[in-house]
Amino acid sequence: MNRIVSTIFLSFMCVLTSCTTISNDDQGHHNANGEKTMKMTQTDPISSDFEKRLKPVGRILEDPDYNVWGCSPIWGPDGKVHVFYSRWKNEAHHQGWITCCEIAHAVADTPEGPYETVDVAVTGRGGDWWDAMTCHNPTIHKVGDKYVLFYMGTQDGTVYSKRVGMATSDSLNGPWKRSDKPIIEPNPDPDAWNSICTTNPAFVQHPNGELWLYYKSWRINDWKKDLEGGLRVATSDVGKFTNRQYGLAVAKDLDSPFEKVGDGPIIDLSHLGENAQSEDAYIWIEDGKFKMIMRDMGYWNHEYGLMFESEDGLTWGMPTVAFYAGRNYLPEPPNGLEREGRFERTQVLMKDGKPDYVFFAMVGGKYNTSSGAVMKVD
């Protein structure tokens, strides 16, 4: 398996190299293996076909009492749109996502809304559970006859206990049966790329029936360096050394364990530009191709979306622009908040195997906290 993943990584590097410009006067960088690599200059932003089809709809789920984040939609058997979203009390401010978040369930007749919150799907369980304090970043999917809610939980409200787990149900209205333990654990080696946590899950069912779960992580030793340098936890700070990457874990079915694919990441932009990285992946298969949207974290900037394509879900080409800054589509007066004017936590509402609407999280809005936002894909 390691030889396969090494080949995949080299293929990914070759694709990147063929589409970038090498800076001749650069002294080079060192990758995770200590090998010297040349610094590469990104291509100019190119709009994807996906971006050209985006039409603004507006904000959803604006709540006077809660910050709202990460809205994941799915069509229900009742013909309605069901959205599972993160929320936490305003008293905790924006950083409450890591200490006191729950995943609520809202329903609307159309993707545009209005939405009515009907229940709370999962919330912190307390005690020694892996999701004792917070449940965050949901992504809802149907696997066979089951609905599966993948999400991130924390046991103690810190980055170090962030773990990916899941809850399953026969109905979108619950009850939800949660995994007793995280389904993906970090690497215990502090120098490993995925040693600090597992978070921000992105799911796709492979055509062969396997369950593919992509996850975000980074190196714990790099994180500690940034903390020493003054990095503010649970804010928009990204750090100087920390580099967020995506790995993959695969299971045969919902009753089987998720096993990591290889030792390295599947998506690694660390060799591009100044600590380029990405997060908030959403993945689907369309017309036989794997497609992935991620939030840019330094490839072009920290506001665009990155659109990748792949023939196999393992080797990904160079990105195009999935979306520009949120303010370009939903202009609002300045609100003075961190993350102002940008989309995060992309989730896609599919129809007949193609994207129909895109849901985001966005700070600001009617109560100057945060809410969902929706775009139509024409």
Protein backbone atom coordinates (compact mmCIF):
# COMPACT_ATOMS: atom_id res chain seq x y z
CA MET A 1 0.00 0.00 0.00
CA ASN A 2 2.82 2.45 0.84
CA ARG A 3 4.41 1.89 -2.58
CA ILE A 4 1.05 2.67 -4.22
CA VAL A 5 0.65 5.87 -2.25
CA SER A 6 4.23 6.94 -3.04
CA THR A 7 3.47 6.50 -6.72
CA ILE A 8 0.27 8.51 -6.30
CA PHE A 9 2.17 11.33 -4.59
CA LEU A 10 4.83 11.40 -7.30
CA SER A 11 2.15 11.50 -9.98
CA PHE A 12 0.48 14.39 -8.16
CA MET A 13 3.82 16.20 -8.00
CA CYS A 14 4.39 15.66 -11.72
CA VAL A 15 0.99 17.13 -12.55
CA LEU A 16 1.70 20.14 -10.34
CA THR A 17 5.16 20.67 -11.81
CA SER A 18 3.85 20.62 -15.37
CA CYS A 19 1.42 23.44 -14.57
CA THR A 20 3.66 25.73 -12.52
CA THR A 21 6.60 28.01 -13.05
CA ILE A 22 9.85 27.22 -11.23
CA SER A 23 11.59 30.19 -9.68
CA ASN A 24 15.26 30.03 -10.71
CA ASP A 25 16.48 32.35 -7.99
CA ASP A 26 14.85 30.50 -5.13
CA GLN A 27 17.05 28.52 -2.77
CA GLY A 28 14.43 25.83 -2.37
CA HIS A 29 12.32 24.32 0.40
CA HIS A 30 12.50 21.01 2.22
CA ASN A 31 9.58 18.62 2.23
CA ALA A 32 8.48 16.36 5.09
CA ASN A 33 11.21 13.86 4.21
CA GLY A 34 13.94 16.50 4.34
CA GLU A 35 14.37 16.48 0.57
CA LYS A 36 15.12 19.80 -1.08
CA THR A 37 12.41 20.98 -3.48
CA MET A 38 12.09 24.05 -5.68
CA LYS A 39 9.63 26.77 -4.83
CA MET A 40 6.80 26.90 -7.38
CA THR A 41 4.74 29.87 -8.50
CA GLN A 42 0.97 29.38 -8.79
CA THR A 43 -0.90 29.81 -12.04
CA ASP A 44 -3.16 32.84 -12.47
CA PRO A 45 -6.71 32.24 -11.19
CA ILE A 46 -8.90 30.56 -13.79
CA SER A 47 -12.66 30.27 -13.25
CA SER A 48 -13.99 26.74 -13.36
CA ASP A 49 -17.16 25.92 -15.26
CA PHE A 50 -18.69 25.37 -11.82
CA GLU A 51 -17.92 28.95 -10.75
CA LYS A 52 -19.37 30.40 -13.93
CA ARG A 53 -22.70 28.75 -13.14
CA LEU A 54 -23.05 30.13 -9.60
CA LYS A 55 -25.98 32.46 -8.92
CA PRO A 56 -26.49 34.11 -5.51
CA VAL A 57 -29.53 33.20 -3.43
CA GLY A 58 -28.83 34.67 0.02
CA ARG A 59 -28.38 33.88 3.68
CA ILE A 60 -30.28 31.20 5.57
CA LEU A 61 -30.71 30.20 9.21
CA GLU A 62 -29.98 33.62 10.70
CA ASP A 63 -30.62 33.21 14.42
CA PRO A 64 -30.60 35.93 17.10
CA ASP A 65 -29.36 33.48 19.75
CA TYR A 66 -26.85 31.31 17.88
CA ASN A 67 -23.83 31.41 15.65
CA VAL A 68 -24.60 29.13 12.69
CA TRP A 69 -21.96 27.30 10.64
CA GLY A 70 -21.41 24.35 8.29
CA CYS A 71 -24.83 23.77 6.69
CA SER A 72 -25.01 20.31 5.05
CA PRO A 73 -28.11 19.68 2.90
CA ILE A 74 -29.83 16.54 1.60
CA TRP A 75 -33.14 15.86 -0.12
CA GLY A 76 -35.48 13.91 2.15
CA PRO A 77 -38.02 11.24 1.15
CA ASP A 78 -40.68 13.85 1.91
CA GLY A 79 -39.44 15.99 -0.99
CA LYS A 80 -38.12 18.64 1.39
CA VAL A 81 -34.58 19.90 1.95
CA HIS A 82 -33.07 18.79 5.26
CA VAL A 83 -30.06 20.74 6.52
CA PHE A 84 -27.79 19.61 9.34
CA TYR A 85 -25.84 22.56 10.69
CA SER A 86 -23.49 23.59 13.47
CA ARG A 87 -24.70 26.09 16.04
CA TRP A 88 -23.54 27.45 19.39
CA LYS A 89 -24.77 30.14 21.76
CA ASN A 90 -23.67 33.68 20.98
CA GLU A 91 -22.31 34.06 24.51
CA ALA A 92 -19.40 31.81 23.50
CA HIS A 93 -18.48 34.14 20.61
CA HIS A 94 -17.12 32.66 17.40
CA GLN A 95 -14.63 30.42 19.22
CA GLY A 96 -17.55 28.46 20.69
CA TRP A 97 -17.40 26.05 17.76
CA ILE A 98 -14.67 24.07 19.51
CA THR A 99 -16.15 24.03 23.04
CA CYS A 100 -19.97 24.06 22.95
CA CYS A 101 -21.27 23.37 19.45
CA GLU A 102 -24.18 21.09 18.56
CA ILE A 103 -25.57 19.87 15.25
CA ALA A 104 -29.15 20.96 14.63
CA HIS A 105 -31.60 19.80 11.96
CA ALA A 106 -33.69 22.20 9.88
CA VAL A 107 -36.22 21.61 7.08
CA ALA A 108 -37.51 23.71 4.18
CA ASP A 109 -39.75 23.18 1.16
CA THR A 110 -37.05 24.55 -1.17
CA PRO A 111 -33.27 25.06 -0.95
CA GLU A 112 -33.82 28.81 -0.72
CA GLY A 113 -35.81 28.41 2.50
CA PRO A 114 -37.20 29.59 4.83
CA TYR A 115 -35.95 26.89 7.19
CA GLU A 116 -37.51 25.64 10.41
CA THR A 117 -35.25 24.02 12.99
CA VAL A 118 -37.03 20.84 14.07
CA ASP A 119 -34.56 19.10 16.39
CA VAL A 120 -30.96 18.68 17.54
CA ALA A 121 -29.37 15.62 15.93
CA VAL A 122 -26.26 15.36 18.13
CA THR A 123 -24.78 17.42 20.93
CA GLY A 124 -21.91 17.02 23.39
CA ARG A 125 -22.38 13.85 25.46
CA GLY A 126 -20.25 14.82 28.43
CA GLY A 127 -18.21 12.35 30.42
CA ASP A 128 -15.31 10.61 28.69
CA TRP A 129 -16.91 10.39 25.26
CA TRP A 130 -14.80 11.44 22.28
CA ASP A 131 -17.48 14.06 21.48
CA ALA A 132 -18.09 15.08 25.08
CA MET A 133 -17.91 18.85 24.53
CA THR A 134 -18.62 19.74 20.93
CA CYS A 135 -20.10 18.30 17.72
CA HIS A 136 -19.19 20.32 14.65
CA ASN A 137 -18.69 20.40 10.85
CA PRO A 138 -21.41 17.91 9.83
CA THR A 139 -21.70 16.34 6.39
CA ILE A 140 -24.85 14.29 5.74
CA HIS A 141 -25.05 11.40 3.27
CA LYS A 142 -27.15 8.33 2.48
CA VAL A 143 -25.40 4.97 2.33
CA GLY A 144 -27.73 2.17 1.32
CA ASP A 145 -30.80 2.44 3.53
CA LYS A 146 -28.97 4.40 6.24
CA TYR A 147 -28.42 8.11 6.70
CA VAL A 148 -24.90 8.84 7.88
CA LEU A 149 -23.84 12.03 9.64
CA PHE A 150 -20.07 12.41 9.69
CA TYR A 151 -18.80 15.14 12.02
CA MET A 152 -15.96 16.33 14.22
CA GLY A 153 -16.13 16.10 18.00
CA THR A 154 -13.92 17.26 20.84
CA GLN A 155 -13.53 15.65 24.23
CA ASP A 156 -11.95 18.58 26.08
CA GLY A 157 -12.60 21.59 23.84
CA THR A 158 -9.05 21.72 22.45
CA VAL A 159 -7.54 21.14 19.03
CA TYR A 160 -5.71 18.08 20.37
CA SER A 161 -8.94 16.13 20.93
CA LYS A 162 -10.60 16.90 17.58
CA ARG A 163 -11.70 13.59 16.07
CA VAL A 164 -13.86 12.43 13.16
CA GLY A 165 -16.77 10.17 14.03
CA MET A 166 -20.22 9.38 12.72
CA ALA A 167 -23.86 8.84 13.61
CA THR A 168 -26.31 6.67 11.68
CA SER A 169 -30.09 6.54 11.46
CA ASP A 170 -32.89 4.99 9.44
CA SER A 171 -34.53 8.42 9.27
CA LEU A 172 -33.40 12.01 8.89
CA ASN A 173 -35.46 12.67 12.01
CA GLY A 174 -33.41 10.23 14.08
CA PRO A 175 -32.81 8.71 16.48
CA TRP A 176 -29.07 8.76 15.74
CA LYS A 177 -26.71 6.01 16.83
CA ARG A 178 -23.23 7.42 17.34
CA SER A 179 -19.90 5.67 17.02
CA ASP A 180 -18.55 4.79 20.45
CA LYS A 181 -15.07 5.83 19.37
CA PRO A 182 -13.62 8.10 16.69
CA ILE A 183 -13.49 6.38 13.32
CA ILE A 184 -10.15 7.99 12.38
CA GLU A 185 -7.38 8.56 14.92
CA PRO A 186 -4.28 10.74 14.48
CA ASN A 187 -0.80 9.29 14.08
CA PRO A 188 0.97 9.03 17.48
CA ASP A 189 4.29 10.14 15.92
CA PRO A 190 4.49 13.93 16.61
CA ASP A 191 6.45 14.42 13.38
CA ALA A 192 3.83 12.69 11.24
CA TRP A 193 1.79 14.95 8.95
CA ASN A 194 -1.46 13.81 10.66
CA SER A 195 -0.38 13.71 14.29
CA ILE A 196 -2.47 16.43 15.95
CA CYS A 197 -6.10 15.54 15.16
CA THR A 198 -8.59 14.31 12.56
CA THR A 199 -11.25 16.77 11.44
CA ASN A 200 -13.36 18.28 8.63
CA PRO A 201 -14.57 15.02 7.06
CA ALA A 202 -15.51 14.75 3.38
CA PHE A 203 -17.25 11.58 2.19
CA VAL A 204 -17.88 9.85 -1.13
CA GLN A 205 -18.99 6.31 -1.90
CA HIS A 206 -16.65 4.79 -4.45
CA PRO A 207 -18.22 3.10 -7.50
CA ASN A 208 -16.85 -0.21 -6.15
CA GLY A 209 -19.00 0.25 -3.03
CA GLU A 210 -16.21 1.24 -0.64
CA LEU A 211 -16.71 4.18 1.72
CA TRP A 212 -14.03 6.83 1.19
CA LEU A 213 -13.60 9.39 3.95
CA TYR A 214 -11.15 12.25 3.48
CA TYR A 215 -9.98 14.10 6.58
CA LYS A 216 -7.87 17.12 7.52
CA SER A 217 -4.89 17.10 9.87
CA TRP A 218 -1.47 18.63 10.44
CA ARG A 219 1.78 18.06 12.31
CA ILE A 220 1.62 18.55 16.08
CA ASN A 221 5.25 19.74 16.35
CA ASP A 222 4.57 22.49 13.79
CA TRP A 223 1.50 23.55 15.76
CA LYS A 224 3.54 23.84 18.96
CA LYS A 225 6.05 26.08 17.17
CA ASP A 226 3.24 28.37 16.08
CA LEU A 227 1.76 28.48 19.58
CA GLU A 228 5.14 29.60 20.88
CA GLY A 229 5.04 32.32 18.23
CA GLY A 230 1.71 33.66 19.45
CA LEU A 231 -0.86 31.86 17.27
CA ARG A 232 -4.41 32.39 18.53
CA VAL A 233 -6.30 29.11 18.76
CA ALA A 234 -9.75 28.73 17.10
CA THR A 235 -9.37 32.01 15.17
CA SER A 236 -8.46 32.90 11.59
CA ASP A 237 -4.75 32.58 12.44
CA VAL A 238 -3.13 29.87 10.30
CA GLY A 239 0.43 29.95 11.62
CA LYS A 240 3.83 30.08 9.98
CA PHE A 241 4.78 26.40 10.31
CA THR A 242 1.43 24.60 10.50
CA ASN A 243 0.30 23.17 7.17
CA ARG A 244 -3.16 21.64 6.85
CA GLN A 245 -3.38 18.65 4.52
CA TYR A 246 -5.91 15.97 3.62
CA GLY A 247 -5.62 12.23 3.99
CA LEU A 248 -7.92 9.35 3.13
CA ALA A 249 -9.39 6.45 5.09
CA VAL A 250 -11.43 3.65 3.50
CA ALA A 251 -13.99 1.18 4.85
CA LYS A 252 -15.75 -1.72 3.17
CA ASP A 253 -19.09 -0.79 4.74
CA LEU A 254 -20.56 1.04 7.73
CA ASP A 255 -19.81 -1.85 10.05
CA SER A 256 -16.13 -2.11 9.03
CA PRO A 257 -13.24 0.00 10.36
CA PHE A 258 -11.90 2.92 8.34
CA GLU A 259 -8.28 2.23 7.44
CA LYS A 260 -5.88 4.99 6.43
CA VAL A 261 -4.51 4.83 2.90
CA GLY A 262 -0.72 5.06 3.17
CA ASP A 263 1.44 7.18 5.45
CA GLY A 264 1.25 10.49 3.59
CA PRO A 265 -1.46 12.98 2.65
CA ILE A 266 -3.55 12.77 -0.51
CA ILE A 267 -3.75 16.56 -0.90
CA ASP A 268 -0.56 18.44 -0.02
CA LEU A 269 0.03 21.98 -1.26
CA SER A 270 2.87 22.71 1.15
CA HIS A 271 5.48 22.93 -1.61
CA LEU A 272 3.52 25.63 -3.44
CA GLY A 273 4.12 29.25 -2.50
CA GLU A 274 4.35 30.48 1.07
CA ASN A 275 2.91 27.66 3.16
CA ALA A 276 -0.01 27.05 0.80
CA GLN A 277 -2.68 24.76 2.24
CA SER A 278 -6.40 24.03 2.09
CA GLU A 279 -9.37 22.82 4.13
CA ASP A 280 -13.14 22.22 4.08
CA ALA A 281 -13.23 19.61 1.33
CA TYR A 282 -16.44 18.42 -0.30
CA ILE A 283 -16.21 15.56 -2.81
CA TRP A 284 -18.59 13.98 -5.31
CA ILE A 285 -18.49 11.89 -8.49
CA GLU A 286 -19.96 13.39 -11.65
CA ASP A 287 -19.84 11.89 -15.14
CA GLY A 288 -17.27 9.36 -13.96
CA LYS A 289 -14.88 11.94 -12.47
CA PHE A 290 -14.11 12.71 -8.85
CA LYS A 291 -14.60 16.39 -8.13
CA MET A 292 -13.53 18.25 -5.02
CA ILE A 293 -14.05 21.77 -3.71
CA MET A 294 -11.78 23.07 -0.94
CA ARG A 295 -11.26 26.43 0.73
CA ASP A 296 -8.05 28.11 -0.36
CA MET A 297 -5.56 28.79 2.44
CA GLY A 298 -2.67 30.40 0.62
CA TYR A 299 -2.60 28.94 -2.89
CA TRP A 300 -4.07 32.16 -4.33
CA ASN A 301 -5.35 33.72 -1.10
CA HIS A 302 -7.57 32.80 1.85
CA GLU A 303 -10.94 33.64 0.26
CA TYR A 304 -11.28 31.61 -2.94
CA GLY A 305 -12.49 28.07 -3.37
CA LEU A 306 -10.29 25.50 -5.10
CA MET A 307 -11.79 23.08 -7.63
CA PHE A 308 -9.88 19.84 -8.24
CA GLU A 309 -10.65 16.91 -10.54
CA SER A 310 -9.40 13.34 -10.51
CA GLU A 311 -9.89 10.13 -12.43
CA ASP A 312 -9.46 7.93 -9.35
CA GLY A 313 -9.92 10.09 -6.23
CA LEU A 314 -6.24 9.75 -5.39
CA THR A 315 -4.27 11.72 -7.97
CA TRP A 316 -5.56 15.27 -8.34
CA GLY A 317 -4.64 17.89 -10.95
CA MET A 318 -4.04 21.61 -10.55
CA PRO A 319 -6.96 23.64 -9.17
CA THR A 320 -9.20 26.16 -10.85
CA VAL A 321 -11.41 28.64 -8.99
CA ALA A 322 -14.52 27.01 -7.52
CA PHE A 323 -15.78 30.35 -6.17
CA TYR A 324 -14.41 33.78 -5.45
CA ALA A 325 -14.78 35.73 -2.19
CA GLY A 326 -18.28 35.54 -0.78
CA ARG A 327 -18.65 39.31 -0.89
CA ASN A 328 -18.50 39.11 -4.70
CA TYR A 329 -21.83 37.25 -4.74
CA LEU A 330 -23.50 38.48 -1.53
CA PRO A 331 -22.24 42.05 -0.98
CA GLU A 332 -22.86 43.46 2.48
CA PRO A 333 -21.62 46.46 4.46
CA PRO A 334 -18.36 45.85 6.38
CA ASN A 335 -18.99 44.06 9.67
CA GLY A 336 -15.54 44.17 11.28
CA LEU A 337 -15.48 40.43 11.97
CA GLU A 338 -12.62 38.03 11.35
CA ARG A 339 -13.27 36.00 8.18
CA GLU A 340 -15.39 38.87 6.86
CA GLY A 341 -16.66 38.44 3.32
CA ARG A 342 -15.55 34.87 2.65
CA PHE A 343 -17.29 31.53 2.23
CA GLU A 344 -16.30 28.51 4.32
CA ARG A 345 -17.44 24.88 4.84
CA THR A 346 -18.70 24.19 1.31
CA GLN A 347 -21.46 21.57 1.13
CA VAL A 348 -23.31 20.61 -2.06
CA LEU A 349 -26.95 19.67 -2.62
CA MET A 350 -26.98 17.14 -5.45
CA LYS A 351 -29.83 16.47 -7.87
CA ASP A 352 -29.78 13.71 -10.50
CA GLY A 353 -26.05 13.22 -9.93
CA LYS A 354 -25.09 16.86 -10.42
CA PRO A 355 -24.64 19.88 -8.10
CA ASP A 356 -27.86 21.87 -7.80
CA TYR A 357 -27.17 24.25 -4.91
CA VAL A 358 -24.10 25.06 -2.81
CA PHE A 359 -24.31 25.84 0.90
CA PHE A 360 -21.68 27.81 2.81
CA ALA A 361 -20.98 29.31 6.21
CA MET A 362 -20.35 33.05 6.38
CA VAL A 363 -19.78 35.51 9.23
CA GLY A 364 -21.93 38.64 9.54
CA GLY A 365 -25.56 38.83 8.52
CA LYS A 366 -28.60 40.24 10.26
CA TYR A 367 -27.22 39.68 13.77
CA ASN A 368 -23.53 40.21 12.93
CA THR A 369 -22.59 36.72 14.07
CA SER A 370 -22.63 33.96 11.42
CA SER A 371 -25.15 32.04 9.33
CA GLY A 372 -25.57 29.82 6.32
CA ALA A 373 -25.48 31.11 2.74
CA VAL A 374 -26.78 29.54 -0.45
CA MET A 375 -25.84 29.73 -4.15
CA LYS A 376 -27.70 28.16 -7.09
CA VAL A 377 -25.73 26.14 -9.65
CA ASP A 378 -27.39 26.90 -13.01
